[in-house]
PDB file of all heavy atoms in Angstrom:
ATOM      1  N   LEU A   1       4.772  -6.307  -4.648  1.00  0.00           N
ATOM      2  CA  LEU A   1       5.099  -5.516  -3.489  1.00  0.00           C
ATOM      3  C   LEU A   1       5.459  -6.275  -2.344  1.00  0.00           C
ATOM      4  O   LEU A   1       6.358  -5.862  -1.529  1.00  0.00           O
ATOM      5  CB  LEU A   1       3.877  -4.584  -3.149  1.00  0.00           C
ATOM      6  CG  LEU A   1       3.553  -3.415  -3.992  1.00  0.00           C
ATOM      7  CD1 LEU A   1       2.321  -2.765  -3.513  1.00  0.00           C
ATOM      8  CD2 LEU A   1       4.670  -2.409  -3.882  1.00  0.00           C
ATOM      9  N   ALA A   2       4.832  -7.468  -2.077  1.00  0.00           N
ATOM     10  CA  ALA A   2       5.223  -8.263  -1.014  1.00  0.00           C
ATOM     11  C   ALA A   2       6.642  -8.852  -0.908  1.00  0.00           C
ATOM     12  O   ALA A   2       7.129  -9.273   0.121  1.00  0.00           O
ATOM     13  CB  ALA A   2       4.169  -9.461  -0.914  1.00  0.00           C
ATOM     14  N   HIS A   3       7.232  -8.751  -2.070  1.00  0.00           N
ATOM     15  CA  HIS A   3       8.566  -9.361  -2.135  1.00  0.00           C
ATOM     16  C   HIS A   3       9.735  -8.191  -2.418  1.00  0.00           C
ATOM     17  O   HIS A   3      10.847  -8.416  -2.691  1.00  0.00           O
ATOM     18  CB  HIS A   3       8.715 -10.229  -3.474  1.00  0.00           C
ATOM     19  CG  HIS A   3       8.058 -11.569  -3.288  1.00  0.00           C
ATOM     20  ND1 HIS A   3       6.650 -11.616  -3.429  1.00  0.00           N
ATOM     21  CD2 HIS A   3       8.629 -12.775  -2.870  1.00  0.00           C
ATOM     22  CE1 HIS A   3       6.403 -12.932  -3.195  1.00  0.00           C
ATOM     23  NE2 HIS A   3       7.386 -13.588  -2.785  1.00  0.00           N
ATOM     24  N   LEU A   4       9.274  -6.908  -2.150  1.00  0.00           N
ATOM     25  CA  LEU A   4      10.181  -5.808  -2.327  1.00  0.00           C
ATOM     26  C   LEU A   4      10.458  -5.125  -0.986  1.00  0.00           C
ATOM     27  O   LEU A   4       9.599  -5.165  -0.099  1.00  0.00           O
ATOM     28  CB  LEU A   4       9.610  -4.840  -3.378  1.00  0.00           C
ATOM     29  CG  LEU A   4       9.456  -5.303  -4.797  1.00  0.00           C
ATOM     30  CD1 LEU A   4       8.800  -4.153  -5.622  1.00  0.00           C
ATOM     31  CD2 LEU A   4      10.763  -5.681  -5.366  1.00  0.00           C
ATOM     32  N   PRO A   5      11.558  -4.460  -0.834  1.00  0.00           N
ATOM     33  CA  PRO A   5      11.949  -3.686   0.357  1.00  0.00           C
ATOM     34  C   PRO A   5      10.978  -2.464   0.441  1.00  0.00           C
ATOM     35  O   PRO A   5      10.336  -2.164  -0.504  1.00  0.00           O
ATOM     36  CB  PRO A   5      13.374  -3.324   0.141  1.00  0.00           C
ATOM     37  CG  PRO A   5      13.647  -3.337  -1.416  1.00  0.00           C
ATOM     38  CD  PRO A   5      12.725  -4.486  -1.881  1.00  0.00           C
ATOM     39  N   THR A   6      11.001  -1.829   1.530  1.00  0.00           N
ATOM     40  CA  THR A   6      10.103  -0.694   1.711  1.00  0.00           C
ATOM     41  C   THR A   6      10.444   0.479   0.764  1.00  0.00           C
ATOM     42  O   THR A   6       9.481   1.058   0.263  1.00  0.00           O
ATOM     43  CB  THR A   6      10.221  -0.174   3.251  1.00  0.00           C
ATOM     44  OG1 THR A   6       9.914  -1.252   4.117  1.00  0.00           O
ATOM     45  CG2 THR A   6       9.317   1.011   3.452  1.00  0.00           C
ATOM     46  N   ASN A   7      11.739   0.693   0.501  1.00  0.00           N
ATOM     47  CA  ASN A   7      12.119   1.697  -0.423  1.00  0.00           C
ATOM     48  C   ASN A   7      12.261   1.245  -1.783  1.00  0.00           C
ATOM     49  O   ASN A   7      13.297   1.408  -2.459  1.00  0.00           O
ATOM     50  CB  ASN A   7      13.424   2.364   0.031  1.00  0.00           C
ATOM     51  CG  ASN A   7      14.574   1.325   0.182  1.00  0.00           C
ATOM     52  OD1 ASN A   7      14.270   0.110   0.271  1.00  0.00           O
ATOM     53  ND2 ASN A   7      15.795   1.719   0.166  1.00  0.00           N
ATOM     54  N   HIS A   8      11.152   0.703  -2.329  1.00  0.00           N
ATOM     55  CA  HIS A   8      11.180   0.076  -3.583  1.00  0.00           C
ATOM     56  C   HIS A   8      10.934   1.026  -4.806  1.00  0.00           C
ATOM     57  O   HIS A   8      11.083   0.738  -6.012  1.00  0.00           O
ATOM     58  CB  HIS A   8      10.134  -1.042  -3.762  1.00  0.00           C
ATOM     59  CG  HIS A   8       8.699  -0.592  -3.339  1.00  0.00           C
ATOM     60  ND1 HIS A   8       7.950   0.233  -4.125  1.00  0.00           N
ATOM     61  CD2 HIS A   8       7.994  -0.836  -2.298  1.00  0.00           C
ATOM     62  CE1 HIS A   8       6.783   0.452  -3.534  1.00  0.00           C
ATOM     63  NE2 HIS A   8       6.808  -0.156  -2.388  1.00  0.00           N
ATOM     64  N   GLY A   9      10.653   2.267  -4.465  1.00  0.00           N
ATOM     65  CA  GLY A   9      10.286   3.239  -5.484  1.00  0.00           C
ATOM     66  C   GLY A   9       8.864   3.026  -5.935  1.00  0.00           C
ATOM     67  O   GLY A   9       8.053   2.158  -5.512  1.00  0.00           O
ATOM     68  N   PRO A  10       8.434   3.891  -7.013  1.00  0.00           N
ATOM     69  CA  PRO A  10       7.004   3.736  -7.472  1.00  0.00           C
ATOM     70  C   PRO A  10       6.798   2.419  -8.111  1.00  0.00           C
ATOM     71  O   PRO A  10       7.595   1.798  -8.763  1.00  0.00           O
ATOM     72  CB  PRO A  10       6.899   4.907  -8.480  1.00  0.00           C
ATOM     73  CG  PRO A  10       8.294   5.101  -8.907  1.00  0.00           C
ATOM     74  CD  PRO A  10       9.221   4.829  -7.743  1.00  0.00           C
ATOM     75  N   LEU A  11       5.565   1.979  -7.963  1.00  0.00           N
ATOM     76  CA  LEU A  11       5.046   0.723  -8.677  1.00  0.00           C
ATOM     77  C   LEU A  11       4.150   1.071  -9.805  1.00  0.00           C
ATOM     78  O   LEU A  11       3.254   1.865  -9.669  1.00  0.00           O
ATOM     79  CB  LEU A  11       4.234  -0.130  -7.612  1.00  0.00           C
ATOM     80  CG  LEU A  11       3.586  -1.322  -8.221  1.00  0.00           C
ATOM     81  CD1 LEU A  11       4.538  -2.461  -8.609  1.00  0.00           C
ATOM     82  CD2 LEU A  11       2.504  -1.988  -7.251  1.00  0.00           C
ATOM     83  N   GLY A  12       4.339   0.423 -10.916  1.00  0.00           N
ATOM     84  CA  GLY A  12       3.567   0.681 -12.091  1.00  0.00           C
ATOM     85  C   GLY A  12       3.182  -0.583 -12.905  1.00  0.00           C
ATOM     86  O   GLY A  12       3.645  -1.593 -12.594  1.00  0.00           O
ATOM     87  N   LEU A  13       2.382  -0.382 -13.902  1.00  0.00           N
ATOM     88  CA  LEU A  13       1.966  -1.454 -14.835  1.00  0.00           C
ATOM     89  C   LEU A  13       2.497  -1.163 -16.237  1.00  0.00           C
ATOM     90  O   LEU A  13       2.315   0.043 -16.631  1.00  0.00           O
ATOM     91  CB  LEU A  13       0.511  -1.558 -14.837  1.00  0.00           C
ATOM     92  CG  LEU A  13      -0.286  -1.969 -13.525  1.00  0.00           C
ATOM     93  CD1 LEU A  13      -1.754  -1.780 -13.682  1.00  0.00           C
ATOM     94  CD2 LEU A  13       0.231  -3.348 -13.106  1.00  0.00           C
ATOM     95  N   MET A  14       3.073  -2.031 -16.853  1.00  0.00           N
ATOM     96  CA  MET A  14       3.552  -1.889 -18.259  1.00  0.00           C
ATOM     97  C   MET A  14       2.979  -2.977 -19.102  1.00  0.00           C
ATOM     98  O   MET A  14       2.971  -4.186 -18.782  1.00  0.00           O
ATOM     99  CB  MET A  14       5.123  -1.924 -18.286  1.00  0.00           C
ATOM    100  CG  MET A  14       5.719  -1.893 -19.635  1.00  0.00           C
ATOM    101  SD  MET A  14       7.552  -2.094 -19.712  1.00  0.00           S
ATOM    102  CE  MET A  14       8.054  -0.556 -19.150  1.00  0.00           C
ATOM    103  N   GLY A  15       2.451  -2.611 -20.240  1.00  0.00           N
ATOM    104  CA  GLY A  15       1.784  -3.523 -21.013  1.00  0.00           C
ATOM    105  C   GLY A  15       1.770  -3.242 -22.469  1.00  0.00           C
ATOM    106  O   GLY A  15       2.286  -2.214 -23.005  1.00  0.00           O
ATOM    107  N   PHE A  16       1.282  -4.201 -23.350  1.00  0.00           N
ATOM    108  CA  PHE A  16       1.444  -4.151 -24.775  1.00  0.00           C
ATOM    109  C   PHE A  16       0.091  -4.380 -25.427  1.00  0.00           C
ATOM    110  O   PHE A  16      -0.679  -5.302 -25.140  1.00  0.00           O
ATOM    111  CB  PHE A  16       2.481  -5.212 -25.102  1.00  0.00           C
ATOM    112  CG  PHE A  16       3.614  -5.210 -24.144  1.00  0.00           C
ATOM    113  CD1 PHE A  16       3.692  -6.058 -23.079  1.00  0.00           C
ATOM    114  CD2 PHE A  16       4.718  -4.397 -24.381  1.00  0.00           C
ATOM    115  CE1 PHE A  16       4.787  -6.029 -22.202  1.00  0.00           C
ATOM    116  CE2 PHE A  16       5.754  -4.301 -23.521  1.00  0.00           C
ATOM    117  CZ  PHE A  16       5.792  -5.116 -22.449  1.00  0.00           C
ATOM    118  N   SER A  17      -0.233  -3.425 -26.291  1.00  0.00           N
ATOM    119  CA  SER A  17      -1.404  -3.635 -27.157  1.00  0.00           C
ATOM    120  C   SER A  17      -2.659  -3.757 -26.423  1.00  0.00           C
ATOM    121  O   SER A  17      -3.150  -2.802 -25.946  1.00  0.00           O
ATOM    122  CB  SER A  17      -1.084  -4.850 -28.174  1.00  0.00           C
ATOM    123  OG  SER A  17      -1.946  -4.776 -29.271  1.00  0.00           O
ATOM    124  N   GLN A  18      -3.172  -4.943 -26.427  1.00  0.00           N
ATOM    125  CA  GLN A  18      -4.480  -5.246 -25.745  1.00  0.00           C
ATOM    126  C   GLN A  18      -4.480  -4.764 -24.268  1.00  0.00           C
ATOM    127  O   GLN A  18      -5.549  -4.470 -23.693  1.00  0.00           O
ATOM    128  CB  GLN A  18      -4.866  -6.766 -25.827  1.00  0.00           C
ATOM    129  CG  GLN A  18      -6.352  -6.990 -25.492  1.00  0.00           C
ATOM    130  CD  GLN A  18      -6.632  -8.503 -25.501  1.00  0.00           C
ATOM    131  OE1 GLN A  18      -6.390  -9.152 -24.518  1.00  0.00           O
ATOM    132  NE2 GLN A  18      -7.212  -8.910 -26.733  1.00  0.00           N
ATOM    133  N   ALA A  19      -3.264  -4.692 -23.676  1.00  0.00           N
ATOM    134  CA  ALA A  19      -3.161  -4.275 -22.335  1.00  0.00           C
ATOM    135  C   ALA A  19      -3.614  -2.847 -22.145  1.00  0.00           C
ATOM    136  O   ALA A  19      -3.864  -2.409 -21.086  1.00  0.00           O
ATOM    137  CB  ALA A  19      -1.787  -4.321 -21.721  1.00  0.00           C
ATOM    138  N   GLY A  20      -3.889  -2.059 -23.270  1.00  0.00           N
ATOM    139  CA  GLY A  20      -4.338  -0.748 -23.178  1.00  0.00           C
ATOM    140  C   GLY A  20      -5.757  -0.675 -22.668  1.00  0.00           C
ATOM    141  O   GLY A  20      -6.222   0.343 -22.136  1.00  0.00           O
ATOM    142  N   TRP A  21      -6.464  -1.859 -22.676  1.00  0.00           N
ATOM    143  CA  TRP A  21      -7.804  -1.874 -22.054  1.00  0.00           C
ATOM    144  C   TRP A  21      -7.677  -2.459 -20.646  1.00  0.00           C
ATOM    145  O   TRP A  21      -8.516  -2.100 -19.795  1.00  0.00           O
ATOM    146  CB  TRP A  21      -8.753  -2.775 -22.901  1.00  0.00           C
ATOM    147  CG  TRP A  21      -9.028  -2.254 -24.242  1.00  0.00           C
ATOM    148  CD1 TRP A  21      -9.456  -0.949 -24.599  1.00  0.00           C
ATOM    149  CD2 TRP A  21      -8.985  -2.877 -25.475  1.00  0.00           C
ATOM    150  NE1 TRP A  21      -9.632  -0.790 -25.910  1.00  0.00           N
ATOM    151  CE2 TRP A  21      -9.386  -1.993 -26.511  1.00  0.00           C
ATOM    152  CE3 TRP A  21      -8.570  -4.239 -25.951  1.00  0.00           C
ATOM    153  CZ2 TRP A  21      -9.426  -2.355 -27.898  1.00  0.00           C
ATOM    154  CZ3 TRP A  21      -8.571  -4.548 -27.249  1.00  0.00           C
ATOM    155  CH2 TRP A  21      -8.988  -3.608 -28.133  1.00  0.00           C
ATOM    156  N   VAL A  22      -6.814  -3.317 -20.469  1.00  0.00           N
ATOM    157  CA  VAL A  22      -6.673  -3.995 -19.157  1.00  0.00           C
ATOM    158  C   VAL A  22      -6.068  -3.136 -18.072  1.00  0.00           C
ATOM    159  O   VAL A  22      -6.491  -3.075 -16.924  1.00  0.00           O
ATOM    160  CB  VAL A  22      -5.826  -5.301 -19.312  1.00  0.00           C
ATOM    161  CG1 VAL A  22      -5.601  -5.975 -18.000  1.00  0.00           C
ATOM    162  CG2 VAL A  22      -6.437  -6.298 -20.274  1.00  0.00           C
ATOM    163  N   ILE A  23      -5.014  -2.423 -18.386  1.00  0.00           N
ATOM    164  CA  ILE A  23      -4.097  -1.684 -17.346  1.00  0.00           C
ATOM    165  C   ILE A  23      -5.022  -0.503 -16.773  1.00  0.00           C
ATOM    166  O   ILE A  23      -4.895  -0.443 -15.568  1.00  0.00           O
ATOM    167  CB  ILE A  23      -2.857  -1.192 -18.068  1.00  0.00           C
ATOM    168  CG1 ILE A  23      -1.822  -2.317 -18.171  1.00  0.00           C
ATOM    169  CG2 ILE A  23      -2.240  -0.035 -17.302  1.00  0.00           C
ATOM    170  CD1 ILE A  23      -0.534  -1.946 -18.793  1.00  0.00           C
ATOM    171  N   PRO A  24      -5.659   0.215 -17.441  1.00  0.00           N
ATOM    172  CA  PRO A  24      -6.510   1.236 -16.751  1.00  0.00           C
ATOM    173  C   PRO A  24      -7.563   0.644 -15.754  1.00  0.00           C
ATOM    174  O   PRO A  24      -7.714   1.156 -14.697  1.00  0.00           O
ATOM    175  CB  PRO A  24      -7.197   1.987 -17.910  1.00  0.00           C
ATOM    176  CG  PRO A  24      -6.379   1.859 -19.116  1.00  0.00           C
ATOM    177  CD  PRO A  24      -5.842   0.456 -18.979  1.00  0.00           C
ATOM    178  N   LEU A  25      -8.111  -0.478 -16.157  1.00  0.00           N
ATOM    179  CA  LEU A  25      -8.969  -1.229 -15.152  1.00  0.00           C
ATOM    180  C   LEU A  25      -8.259  -1.683 -13.990  1.00  0.00           C
ATOM    181  O   LEU A  25      -8.791  -1.540 -12.802  1.00  0.00           O
ATOM    182  CB  LEU A  25      -9.717  -2.362 -15.871  1.00  0.00           C
ATOM    183  CG  LEU A  25     -10.583  -1.975 -17.062  1.00  0.00           C
ATOM    184  CD1 LEU A  25     -10.968  -3.377 -17.899  1.00  0.00           C
ATOM    185  CD2 LEU A  25     -11.794  -1.393 -16.612  1.00  0.00           C
ATOM    186  N   ALA A  26      -7.069  -2.184 -14.194  1.00  0.00           N
ATOM    187  CA  ALA A  26      -6.283  -2.717 -13.038  1.00  0.00           C
ATOM    188  C   ALA A  26      -5.843  -1.612 -12.182  1.00  0.00           C
ATOM    189  O   ALA A  26      -5.782  -1.734 -10.960  1.00  0.00           O
ATOM    190  CB  ALA A  26      -5.052  -3.601 -13.629  1.00  0.00           C
ATOM    191  N   ALA A  27      -5.389  -0.486 -12.793  1.00  0.00           N
ATOM    192  CA  ALA A  27      -4.974   0.658 -11.932  1.00  0.00           C
ATOM    193  C   ALA A  27      -6.097   1.231 -11.167  1.00  0.00           C
ATOM    194  O   ALA A  27      -5.860   1.680 -10.072  1.00  0.00           O
ATOM    195  CB  ALA A  27      -4.355   1.748 -12.895  1.00  0.00           C
ATOM    196  N   LYS A  28      -7.257   1.295 -11.714  1.00  0.00           N
ATOM    197  CA  LYS A  28      -8.394   1.717 -11.011  1.00  0.00           C
ATOM    198  C   LYS A  28      -8.717   0.778  -9.846  1.00  0.00           C
ATOM    199  O   LYS A  28      -9.141   1.287  -8.803  1.00  0.00           O
ATOM    200  CB  LYS A  28      -9.606   1.775 -11.971  1.00  0.00           C
ATOM    201  CG  LYS A  28     -10.856   2.501 -11.302  1.00  0.00           C
ATOM    202  CD  LYS A  28     -12.035   2.612 -12.330  1.00  0.00           C
ATOM    203  CE  LYS A  28     -13.282   3.099 -11.688  1.00  0.00           C
ATOM    204  NZ  LYS A  28     -14.389   3.154 -12.491  1.00  0.00           N
ATOM    205  N   GLU A  29      -8.448  -0.411 -10.002  1.00  0.00           N
ATOM    206  CA  GLU A  29      -8.685  -1.371  -9.004  1.00  0.00           C
ATOM    207  C   GLU A  29      -7.779  -1.329  -7.800  1.00  0.00           C
ATOM    208  O   GLU A  29      -8.048  -1.582  -6.682  1.00  0.00           O
ATOM    209  CB  GLU A  29      -8.699  -2.885  -9.588  1.00  0.00           C
ATOM    210  CG  GLU A  29      -8.684  -3.973  -8.650  1.00  0.00           C
ATOM    211  CD  GLU A  29     -10.059  -4.290  -8.048  1.00  0.00           C
ATOM    212  OE1 GLU A  29     -11.125  -3.743  -8.644  1.00  0.00           O
ATOM    213  OE2 GLU A  29     -10.169  -4.954  -7.017  1.00  0.00           O
ATOM    214  N   ASN A  30      -6.391  -1.029  -8.150  1.00  0.00           N
ATOM    215  CA  ASN A  30      -5.388  -1.129  -7.062  1.00  0.00           C
ATOM    216  C   ASN A  30      -4.778   0.218  -6.851  1.00  0.00           C
ATOM    217  O   ASN A  30      -4.175   0.797  -7.542  1.00  0.00           O
ATOM    218  CB  ASN A  30      -4.398  -2.052  -7.597  1.00  0.00           C
ATOM    219  CG  ASN A  30      -3.438  -2.549  -6.519  1.00  0.00           C
ATOM    220  OD1 ASN A  30      -3.061  -1.724  -5.643  1.00  0.00           O
ATOM    221  ND2 ASN A  30      -2.896  -3.777  -6.537  1.00  0.00           N
ATOM    222  N   PRO A  31      -4.985   0.854  -5.593  1.00  0.00           N
ATOM    223  CA  PRO A  31      -4.362   2.078  -5.284  1.00  0.00           C
ATOM    224  C   PRO A  31      -2.972   2.069  -5.059  1.00  0.00           C
ATOM    225  O   PRO A  31      -2.295   3.183  -4.997  1.00  0.00           O
ATOM    226  CB  PRO A  31      -5.157   2.399  -3.928  1.00  0.00           C
ATOM    227  CG  PRO A  31      -5.506   1.078  -3.342  1.00  0.00           C
ATOM    228  CD  PRO A  31      -5.764   0.237  -4.529  1.00  0.00           C
ATOM    229  N   ASN A  32      -2.260   0.869  -5.061  1.00  0.00           N
ATOM    230  CA  ASN A  32      -0.788   0.779  -4.933  1.00  0.00           C
ATOM    231  C   ASN A  32      -0.169   1.244  -6.301  1.00  0.00           C
ATOM    232  O   ASN A  32       1.071   1.454  -6.260  1.00  0.00           O
ATOM    233  CB  ASN A  32      -0.374  -0.608  -4.549  1.00  0.00           C
ATOM    234  CG  ASN A  32      -0.786  -0.871  -3.135  1.00  0.00           C
ATOM    235  OD1 ASN A  32      -0.652  -0.135  -2.236  1.00  0.00           O
ATOM    236  ND2 ASN A  32      -1.328  -2.057  -2.966  1.00  0.00           N
ATOM    237  N   VAL A  33      -0.904   1.142  -7.342  1.00  0.00           N
ATOM    238  CA  VAL A  33      -0.332   1.451  -8.763  1.00  0.00           C
ATOM    239  C   VAL A  33      -0.177   2.952  -8.842  1.00  0.00           C
ATOM    240  O   VAL A  33      -1.213   3.668  -8.750  1.00  0.00           O
ATOM    241  CB  VAL A  33      -1.116   0.899  -9.892  1.00  0.00           C
ATOM    242  CG1 VAL A  33      -0.578   1.245 -11.162  1.00  0.00           C
ATOM    243  CG2 VAL A  33      -1.140  -0.683  -9.762  1.00  0.00           C
ATOM    244  N   SER A  34       1.013   3.500  -9.193  1.00  0.00           N
ATOM    245  CA  SER A  34       1.250   4.869  -9.319  1.00  0.00           C
ATOM    246  C   SER A  34       1.578   5.425 -10.619  1.00  0.00           C
ATOM    247  O   SER A  34       1.622   6.537 -10.916  1.00  0.00           O
ATOM    248  CB  SER A  34       2.208   5.352  -8.228  1.00  0.00           C
ATOM    249  OG  SER A  34       3.524   4.757  -8.539  1.00  0.00           O
ATOM    250  N   PHE A  35       1.826   4.488 -11.628  1.00  0.00           N
ATOM    251  CA  PHE A  35       2.015   4.913 -12.967  1.00  0.00           C
ATOM    252  C   PHE A  35       1.730   3.761 -13.948  1.00  0.00           C
ATOM    253  O   PHE A  35       1.678   2.554 -13.571  1.00  0.00           O
ATOM    254  CB  PHE A  35       3.490   5.461 -13.223  1.00  0.00           C
ATOM    255  CG  PHE A  35       4.450   4.425 -13.103  1.00  0.00           C
ATOM    256  CD1 PHE A  35       4.984   3.688 -14.240  1.00  0.00           C
ATOM    257  CD2 PHE A  35       5.088   4.178 -11.903  1.00  0.00           C
ATOM    258  CE1 PHE A  35       5.889   2.770 -14.185  1.00  0.00           C
ATOM    259  CE2 PHE A  35       6.133   3.241 -11.843  1.00  0.00           C
ATOM    260  CZ  PHE A  35       6.510   2.455 -12.960  1.00  0.00           C
ATOM    261  N   MET A  36       1.608   4.057 -15.244  1.00  0.00           N
ATOM    262  CA  MET A  36       1.381   3.018 -16.227  1.00  0.00           C
ATOM    263  C   MET A  36       2.126   3.285 -17.388  1.00  0.00           C
ATOM    264  O   MET A  36       2.216   4.543 -17.862  1.00  0.00           O
ATOM    265  CB  MET A  36      -0.089   2.810 -16.434  1.00  0.00           C
ATOM    266  CG  MET A  36      -0.875   4.007 -16.768  1.00  0.00           C
ATOM    267  SD  MET A  36      -2.659   3.705 -16.754  1.00  0.00           S
ATOM    268  CE  MET A  36      -3.262   5.414 -16.963  1.00  0.00           C
ATOM    269  N   VAL A  37       2.626   2.345 -18.215  1.00  0.00           N
ATOM    270  CA  VAL A  37       3.380   2.516 -19.446  1.00  0.00           C
ATOM    271  C   VAL A  37       2.644   1.584 -20.484  1.00  0.00           C
ATOM    272  O   VAL A  37       2.555   0.381 -20.240  1.00  0.00           O
ATOM    273  CB  VAL A  37       4.792   2.277 -19.302  1.00  0.00           C
ATOM    274  CG1 VAL A  37       5.501   2.405 -20.701  1.00  0.00           C
ATOM    275  CG2 VAL A  37       5.475   3.208 -18.301  1.00  0.00           C
ATOM    276  N   LEU A  38       2.275   2.178 -21.596  1.00  0.00           N
ATOM    277  CA  LEU A  38       1.569   1.291 -22.560  1.00  0.00           C
ATOM    278  C   LEU A  38       2.144   1.408 -23.972  1.00  0.00           C
ATOM    279  O   LEU A  38       2.291   2.477 -24.529  1.00  0.00           O
ATOM    280  CB  LEU A  38       0.067   1.729 -22.736  1.00  0.00           C
ATOM    281  CG  LEU A  38      -0.682   1.587 -21.300  1.00  0.00           C
ATOM    282  CD1 LEU A  38      -0.854   2.974 -20.753  1.00  0.00           C
ATOM    283  CD2 LEU A  38      -2.005   0.944 -21.494  1.00  0.00           C
ATOM    284  N   PHE A  39       2.650   0.311 -24.462  1.00  0.00           N
ATOM    285  CA  PHE A  39       3.117   0.216 -25.772  1.00  0.00           C
ATOM    286  C   PHE A  39       2.045  -0.065 -26.759  1.00  0.00           C
ATOM    287  O   PHE A  39       1.387  -1.200 -26.709  1.00  0.00           O
ATOM    288  CB  PHE A  39       4.298  -0.860 -25.970  1.00  0.00           C
ATOM    289  CG  PHE A  39       5.508  -0.502 -25.161  1.00  0.00           C
ATOM    290  CD1 PHE A  39       5.539  -0.779 -23.797  1.00  0.00           C
ATOM    291  CD2 PHE A  39       6.608  -0.029 -25.795  1.00  0.00           C
ATOM    292  CE1 PHE A  39       6.792  -0.560 -23.104  1.00  0.00           C
ATOM    293  CE2 PHE A  39       7.854   0.265 -25.128  1.00  0.00           C
ATOM    294  CZ  PHE A  39       7.850  -0.038 -23.812  1.00  0.00           C
ATOM    295  N   SER A  40       1.744   0.870 -27.746  1.00  0.00           N
ATOM    296  CA  SER A  40       0.738   0.608 -28.750  1.00  0.00           C
ATOM    297  C   SER A  40      -0.649   0.330 -28.083  1.00  0.00           C
ATOM    298  O   SER A  40      -1.325  -0.541 -28.573  1.00  0.00           O
ATOM    299  CB  SER A  40       1.059  -0.533 -29.727  1.00  0.00           C
ATOM    300  OG  SER A  40       2.296  -0.116 -30.376  1.00  0.00           O
ATOM    301  N   GLY A  41      -0.973   0.909 -26.998  1.00  0.00           N
ATOM    302  CA  GLY A  41      -2.316   0.687 -26.277  1.00  0.00           C
ATOM    303  C   GLY A  41      -3.335   1.563 -26.810  1.00  0.00           C
ATOM    304  O   GLY A  41      -3.243   2.763 -26.933  1.00  0.00           O
ATOM    305  N   PRO A  42      -4.519   0.904 -27.266  1.00  0.00           N
ATOM    306  CA  PRO A  42      -5.599   1.718 -27.882  1.00  0.00           C
ATOM    307  C   PRO A  42      -6.352   2.563 -26.776  1.00  0.00           C
ATOM    308  O   PRO A  42      -6.483   2.110 -25.648  1.00  0.00           O
ATOM    309  CB  PRO A  42      -6.507   0.581 -28.444  1.00  0.00           C
ATOM    310  CG  PRO A  42      -6.205  -0.598 -27.579  1.00  0.00           C
ATOM    311  CD  PRO A  42      -4.816  -0.549 -27.374  1.00  0.00           C
TER     312      PRO A  42
END
């Protein structure tokens, strides 16, 4: 976010497999995250 212009659009997390456990925790931690995409996330 610190390196993007103001009109950067939504910020999300995209991850793979084991990230299915990490991303929800990170999204809960950071209110700037507005969406998440998970490939084969349990």
